[in-house]
Amino acid sequence: MATKKKGCFSRLLKLFFVLLIVLAVLAYILAVLMLGAPESYPAPKFDGRAKGIMAGTITRLARSLVDKEGRVVDVAELHLTQNEVQTLLNAMMRDDRENAPEVVPYAVIWEDGMVRFFYSEPSDAMLPPFSGKAVNLLVELAPYVDDGRLTIEPGAGSFGKVPIPHFALNKLARWIEKDLMRREKVRTTLSAFQCVEPDDNGGLVLMFDPRNVNTVVRILKSAGEDPNETLDEEDDEDDEADADDDDTAADDDENDDADDEDVPADASFDGEIDERNEKVEE
């Protein structure tokens, strides 16, 4: 009986070690498929061409507000090209600090009606045996707006050569939706649009009430503005405000001086009070 138990335990132990070896081999294969060479991408910076690109967009926007008879439409429709959408994305992602890095481990690219997010994480800390490699992530998401409400539809995704299950991508999309819609600025901006969706040419179509045109113009213009020029304009406004304050202070000083001339510093009303008191006694 003891011999049978010993033989059974021995077989279970061998099976356990075989399973460990199989799992280790699978983990190694998975790591090889997931890992690749580290990737780096140019940091999103202001491009001088952006102003010209968005200027053309605003011109088309003005035309979209009226029909052929010159009457204001009920719903304006503006189609953005892939290049224009990418310019908007760059404006949202760029880092305008003086010490901003020239390259970053991520990139956000608009292509074929979808946002493609790339991210490269070095494996040195996570997987020391694979030092010098990186986990390269790719996620595709398609944005939609319906009456100011954001919806994100997942596309493909992968860790290196390993595809990400659709249910995981769907959970990621729902999390991004909730995170963005919690932000008041995002909700205010999206409320200006009745519909936003990818079009058949790989761009993006915006549909909005003409009464919200100022919001749309502000979004488009911001993508074409040079942040350095904006800072210079703000400095000029501050200088003008300081000059106005100085003028106001000078005027106040002049008024104070005038008041001082009307009332001498050594003026006293004691004499008048004494005279009035004497008249009352009489």
Protein backbone atom coordinates (compact mmCIF):
# COMPACT_ATOMS: atom_id res chain seq x y z
CA MET A 1 0.00 0.00 0.00
CA ALA A 2 2.83 2.35 0.94
CA THR A 3 4.59 1.51 -2.32
CA LYS A 4 1.48 2.44 -4.35
CA LYS A 5 1.16 5.76 -2.54
CA LYS A 6 4.83 6.47 -3.12
CA GLY A 7 4.48 5.65 -6.82
CA CYS A 8 1.40 7.87 -7.16
CA PHE A 9 3.16 10.77 -5.41
CA SER A 10 6.20 10.30 -7.66
CA ARG A 11 4.04 10.49 -10.81
CA LEU A 12 2.30 13.66 -9.53
CA LEU A 13 5.66 15.21 -8.77
CA LYS A 14 6.95 14.40 -12.25
CA LEU A 15 3.75 15.81 -13.79
CA PHE A 16 4.16 18.98 -11.74
CA PHE A 17 7.73 19.47 -12.97
CA VAL A 18 6.67 18.81 -16.56
CA LEU A 19 3.95 21.46 -16.23
CA LEU A 20 6.48 23.91 -14.80
CA ILE A 21 8.80 23.31 -17.73
CA VAL A 22 5.96 23.74 -20.24
CA LEU A 23 4.82 26.96 -18.55
CA ALA A 24 8.39 28.27 -18.49
CA VAL A 25 8.81 27.53 -22.20
CA LEU A 26 5.47 29.20 -22.99
CA ALA A 27 6.41 32.22 -20.88
CA TYR A 28 9.73 32.48 -22.70
CA ILE A 29 8.03 32.26 -26.10
CA LEU A 30 5.46 34.84 -25.00
CA ALA A 31 8.21 37.18 -23.79
CA VAL A 32 10.08 36.81 -27.08
CA LEU A 33 6.90 37.62 -29.02
CA MET A 34 6.01 40.57 -26.78
CA LEU A 35 9.45 42.12 -26.61
CA GLY A 36 11.23 43.98 -29.33
CA ALA A 37 13.70 46.77 -29.90
CA PRO A 38 12.96 49.95 -27.89
CA GLU A 39 11.13 52.56 -29.92
CA SER A 40 11.34 56.35 -29.66
CA TYR A 41 9.34 59.02 -31.45
CA PRO A 42 9.82 62.75 -32.13
CA ALA A 43 8.19 64.80 -29.38
CA PRO A 44 5.08 66.67 -30.59
CA LYS A 45 6.23 70.24 -31.22
CA PHE A 46 4.71 73.28 -32.85
CA ASP A 47 5.02 73.03 -36.62
CA GLY A 48 5.11 76.29 -38.56
CA ARG A 49 2.89 74.70 -41.20
CA ALA A 50 0.09 74.22 -38.67
CA LYS A 51 -1.07 77.83 -38.94
CA GLY A 52 -1.55 77.57 -42.71
CA ILE A 53 -3.23 74.16 -42.40
CA MET A 54 -5.78 75.37 -39.86
CA ALA A 55 -6.34 78.68 -41.69
CA GLY A 56 -7.66 76.70 -44.66
CA THR A 57 -9.85 74.70 -42.29
CA ILE A 58 -11.42 77.87 -40.85
CA THR A 59 -12.12 79.12 -44.38
CA ARG A 60 -14.06 75.94 -45.13
CA LEU A 61 -15.78 76.27 -41.78
CA ALA A 62 -17.15 79.69 -42.76
CA ARG A 63 -18.52 78.23 -46.00
CA SER A 64 -20.20 75.38 -44.14
CA LEU A 65 -22.40 77.78 -42.20
CA VAL A 66 -24.53 78.83 -45.21
CA ASP A 67 -26.22 77.00 -48.06
CA LYS A 68 -26.05 77.83 -51.78
CA GLU A 69 -28.70 80.54 -51.35
CA GLY A 70 -26.68 82.19 -48.60
CA ARG A 71 -29.02 81.17 -45.78
CA VAL A 72 -27.64 79.92 -42.47
CA VAL A 73 -27.96 76.14 -42.26
CA ASP A 74 -29.60 74.32 -39.36
CA VAL A 75 -26.62 71.98 -38.92
CA ALA A 76 -23.14 72.86 -40.19
CA GLU A 77 -20.93 70.04 -41.46
CA LEU A 78 -17.15 70.31 -41.67
CA HIS A 79 -14.89 67.55 -43.00
CA LEU A 80 -11.32 67.45 -41.68
CA THR A 81 -8.57 65.70 -43.61
CA GLN A 82 -6.16 63.24 -42.00
CA ASN A 83 -3.48 65.96 -41.96
CA GLU A 84 -5.80 68.41 -40.20
CA VAL A 85 -6.84 65.87 -37.58
CA GLN A 86 -3.19 65.03 -36.95
CA THR A 87 -2.45 68.73 -36.49
CA LEU A 88 -5.17 68.91 -33.83
CA LEU A 89 -3.76 65.82 -32.07
CA ASN A 90 -0.24 67.28 -32.12
CA ALA A 91 -1.54 70.49 -30.54
CA MET A 92 -3.15 68.52 -27.72
CA MET A 93 -0.07 66.34 -27.12
CA ARG A 94 2.77 68.82 -27.53
CA ASP A 95 4.96 69.91 -24.65
CA ASP A 96 5.94 73.58 -25.06
CA ARG A 97 8.31 73.77 -22.09
CA GLU A 98 11.83 75.01 -22.80
CA ASN A 99 13.40 71.84 -21.35
CA ALA A 100 10.96 69.46 -23.06
CA PRO A 101 12.62 66.28 -24.46
CA GLU A 102 13.22 65.97 -28.18
CA VAL A 103 12.14 62.31 -28.29
CA VAL A 104 9.49 60.47 -26.28
CA PRO A 105 8.51 56.77 -25.90
CA TYR A 106 5.00 57.34 -27.30
CA ALA A 107 3.22 58.57 -30.40
CA VAL A 108 -0.39 59.39 -31.23
CA ILE A 109 -1.19 59.07 -34.94
CA TRP A 110 -4.47 59.53 -36.80
CA GLU A 111 -4.75 57.04 -39.63
CA ASP A 112 -7.70 55.59 -41.54
CA GLY A 113 -10.26 57.10 -39.21
CA MET A 114 -8.67 55.81 -36.01
CA VAL A 115 -6.34 57.05 -33.29
CA ARG A 116 -3.29 54.78 -33.16
CA PHE A 117 -1.44 54.94 -29.85
CA PHE A 118 2.13 53.61 -29.69
CA TYR A 119 4.07 53.18 -26.46
CA SER A 120 7.45 51.58 -25.78
CA GLU A 121 8.35 50.54 -22.22
CA PRO A 122 11.92 49.25 -21.59
CA SER A 123 11.95 45.77 -20.05
CA ASP A 124 15.04 46.31 -17.88
CA ALA A 125 13.03 46.81 -14.68
CA MET A 126 10.19 44.38 -15.47
CA LEU A 127 12.22 41.54 -17.01
CA PRO A 128 15.93 41.82 -16.15
CA PRO A 129 16.88 38.73 -18.21
CA PHE A 130 15.67 40.60 -21.31
CA SER A 131 17.66 43.76 -20.67
CA GLY A 132 17.88 46.03 -23.69
CA LYS A 133 14.46 45.03 -24.98
CA ALA A 134 11.12 46.80 -24.64
CA VAL A 135 7.40 46.03 -24.51
CA ASN A 136 5.94 47.80 -27.52
CA LEU A 137 2.24 48.55 -27.19
CA LEU A 138 -0.18 49.42 -29.98
CA VAL A 139 -3.83 50.36 -29.40
CA GLU A 140 -6.33 51.58 -32.02
CA LEU A 141 -9.40 53.55 -30.99
CA ALA A 142 -12.14 55.27 -33.03
CA PRO A 143 -13.83 58.32 -31.40
CA TYR A 144 -17.50 59.21 -31.85
CA VAL A 145 -19.59 62.04 -30.41
CA ASP A 146 -23.39 61.95 -30.35
CA ASP A 147 -25.10 65.06 -28.90
CA GLY A 148 -22.06 65.91 -26.82
CA ARG A 149 -21.58 62.37 -25.51
CA LEU A 150 -18.26 60.67 -26.23
CA THR A 151 -18.09 57.04 -27.34
CA ILE A 152 -14.87 55.20 -28.14
CA GLU A 153 -14.87 52.04 -30.23
CA PRO A 154 -11.81 49.79 -29.90
CA GLY A 155 -9.98 48.51 -32.94
CA ALA A 156 -6.89 46.30 -32.86
CA GLY A 157 -4.26 46.13 -30.16
CA SER A 158 -1.09 44.22 -29.43
CA PHE A 159 1.89 43.77 -27.13
CA GLY A 160 4.62 43.29 -29.68
CA LYS A 161 3.38 40.37 -31.80
CA VAL A 162 0.84 39.21 -29.22
CA PRO A 163 -2.70 40.47 -29.92
CA ILE A 164 -4.70 41.99 -27.07
CA PRO A 165 -8.13 40.35 -26.55
CA HIS A 166 -11.08 42.45 -27.69
CA PHE A 167 -12.73 42.39 -24.24
CA ALA A 168 -9.60 43.98 -22.74
CA LEU A 169 -9.58 46.69 -25.40
CA ASN A 170 -13.27 47.31 -24.80
CA LYS A 171 -12.66 47.79 -21.06
CA LEU A 172 -9.83 50.21 -21.87
CA ALA A 173 -12.13 52.20 -24.18
CA ARG A 174 -14.85 52.44 -21.50
CA TRP A 175 -12.28 53.59 -18.93
CA ILE A 176 -11.00 56.34 -21.27
CA GLU A 177 -14.59 57.48 -21.93
CA LYS A 178 -15.36 57.84 -18.22
CA ASP A 179 -12.06 59.54 -17.47
CA LEU A 180 -12.54 62.16 -20.21
CA MET A 181 -16.21 62.81 -19.51
CA ARG A 182 -15.39 63.55 -15.86
CA ARG A 183 -13.48 66.63 -17.00
CA GLU A 184 -15.56 69.78 -17.24
CA LYS A 185 -13.47 71.29 -20.05
CA VAL A 186 -13.96 68.17 -22.18
CA ARG A 187 -17.72 68.11 -21.53
CA THR A 188 -18.03 71.81 -22.39
CA THR A 189 -16.12 71.36 -25.66
CA LEU A 190 -18.01 68.24 -26.75
CA SER A 191 -21.38 69.85 -25.97
CA ALA A 192 -20.85 72.13 -28.99
CA PHE A 193 -21.08 69.15 -31.38
CA GLN A 194 -24.12 67.20 -32.45
CA CYS A 195 -22.04 64.53 -34.16
CA VAL A 196 -18.38 63.68 -34.64
CA GLU A 197 -17.31 60.55 -36.50
CA PRO A 198 -14.65 59.25 -38.91
CA ASP A 199 -15.52 59.79 -42.56
CA ASP A 200 -14.96 57.56 -45.59
CA ASN A 201 -11.74 59.36 -46.57
CA GLY A 202 -9.95 58.57 -43.32
CA GLY A 203 -10.59 62.02 -41.85
CA LEU A 204 -13.16 63.29 -39.41
CA VAL A 205 -16.54 64.95 -39.91
CA LEU A 206 -17.83 67.55 -37.44
CA MET A 207 -21.53 68.41 -37.27
CA PHE A 208 -22.64 71.28 -35.06
CA ASP A 209 -25.20 74.03 -34.53
CA PRO A 210 -23.98 77.27 -36.23
CA ARG A 211 -24.64 79.07 -32.94
CA ASN A 212 -21.68 77.11 -31.51
CA VAL A 213 -19.30 78.26 -34.24
CA ASN A 214 -17.16 80.30 -31.82
CA THR A 215 -16.27 77.15 -29.88
CA VAL A 216 -15.32 75.33 -33.08
CA VAL A 217 -13.22 78.27 -34.30
CA ARG A 218 -11.39 78.44 -30.98
CA ILE A 219 -10.51 74.73 -31.19
CA LEU A 220 -9.24 75.00 -34.75
CA LYS A 221 -7.29 78.22 -34.19
CA SER A 222 -5.56 76.90 -31.08
CA ALA A 223 -3.97 74.10 -33.13
CA GLY A 224 -2.37 76.64 -35.46
CA GLU A 225 -1.16 79.10 -32.83
CA ASP A 226 2.53 79.40 -32.04
CA PRO A 227 2.83 79.07 -28.23
CA ASN A 228 5.78 81.49 -28.23
CA GLU A 229 3.71 84.16 -29.98
CA THR A 230 0.90 83.58 -27.50
CA LEU A 231 3.31 84.11 -24.61
CA ASP A 232 4.64 87.31 -26.23
CA GLU A 233 1.09 88.62 -26.62
CA GLU A 234 0.36 87.83 -22.97
CA ASP A 235 3.53 89.68 -21.92
CA ASP A 236 2.49 92.69 -24.04
CA GLU A 237 -0.93 92.68 -22.39
CA ASP A 238 0.71 92.53 -18.96
CA ASP A 239 2.97 95.47 -19.89
CA GLU A 240 -0.04 97.49 -21.05
CA ALA A 241 -1.88 96.66 -17.83
CA ASP A 242 1.15 97.77 -15.79
CA ALA A 243 1.32 101.01 -17.79
CA ASP A 244 -2.36 101.67 -17.13
CA ASP A 245 -1.78 101.04 -13.43
CA ASP A 246 1.11 103.52 -13.45
CA ASP A 247 -1.04 106.16 -15.17
CA THR A 248 -3.82 105.61 -12.66
CA ALA A 249 -1.40 105.92 -9.77
CA ALA A 250 0.02 109.15 -11.26
CA ASP A 251 -3.49 110.61 -11.60
CA ASP A 252 -4.22 109.71 -7.98
CA ASP A 253 -1.02 111.44 -6.87
CA GLU A 254 -1.99 114.57 -8.82
CA ASN A 255 -5.42 114.59 -7.22
CA ASP A 256 -3.86 114.18 -3.79
CA ASP A 257 -1.53 117.10 -4.47
CA ALA A 258 -4.46 119.24 -5.56
CA ASP A 259 -6.32 118.37 -2.38
CA ASP A 260 -3.24 119.25 -0.35
CA GLU A 261 -3.10 122.69 -2.03
CA ASP A 262 -6.75 123.39 -1.16
CA VAL A 263 -6.19 122.44 2.47
CA PRO A 264 -2.82 123.54 3.89
CA ALA A 265 -1.02 121.06 6.02
CA ASP A 266 -1.01 123.43 9.01
CA ALA A 267 -4.66 124.38 8.63
CA SER A 268 -6.66 124.34 11.84
CA PHE A 269 -10.36 124.74 12.56
CA ASP A 270 -9.83 125.50 16.26
CA GLY A 271 -10.12 129.26 15.73
CA GLU A 272 -13.45 129.01 13.93
CA ILE A 273 -14.82 126.70 16.60
CA ASP A 274 -13.76 129.12 19.39
CA GLU A 275 -15.45 132.06 17.59
CA ARG A 276 -18.70 130.12 17.19
CA ASN A 277 -18.62 129.13 20.86
CA GLU A 278 -18.16 132.78 21.95
CA LYS A 279 -21.17 133.86 19.83
CA VAL A 280 -23.32 131.17 21.38
CA GLU A 281 -22.32 132.32 24.93
CA GLU A 282 -23.22 135.94 24.11
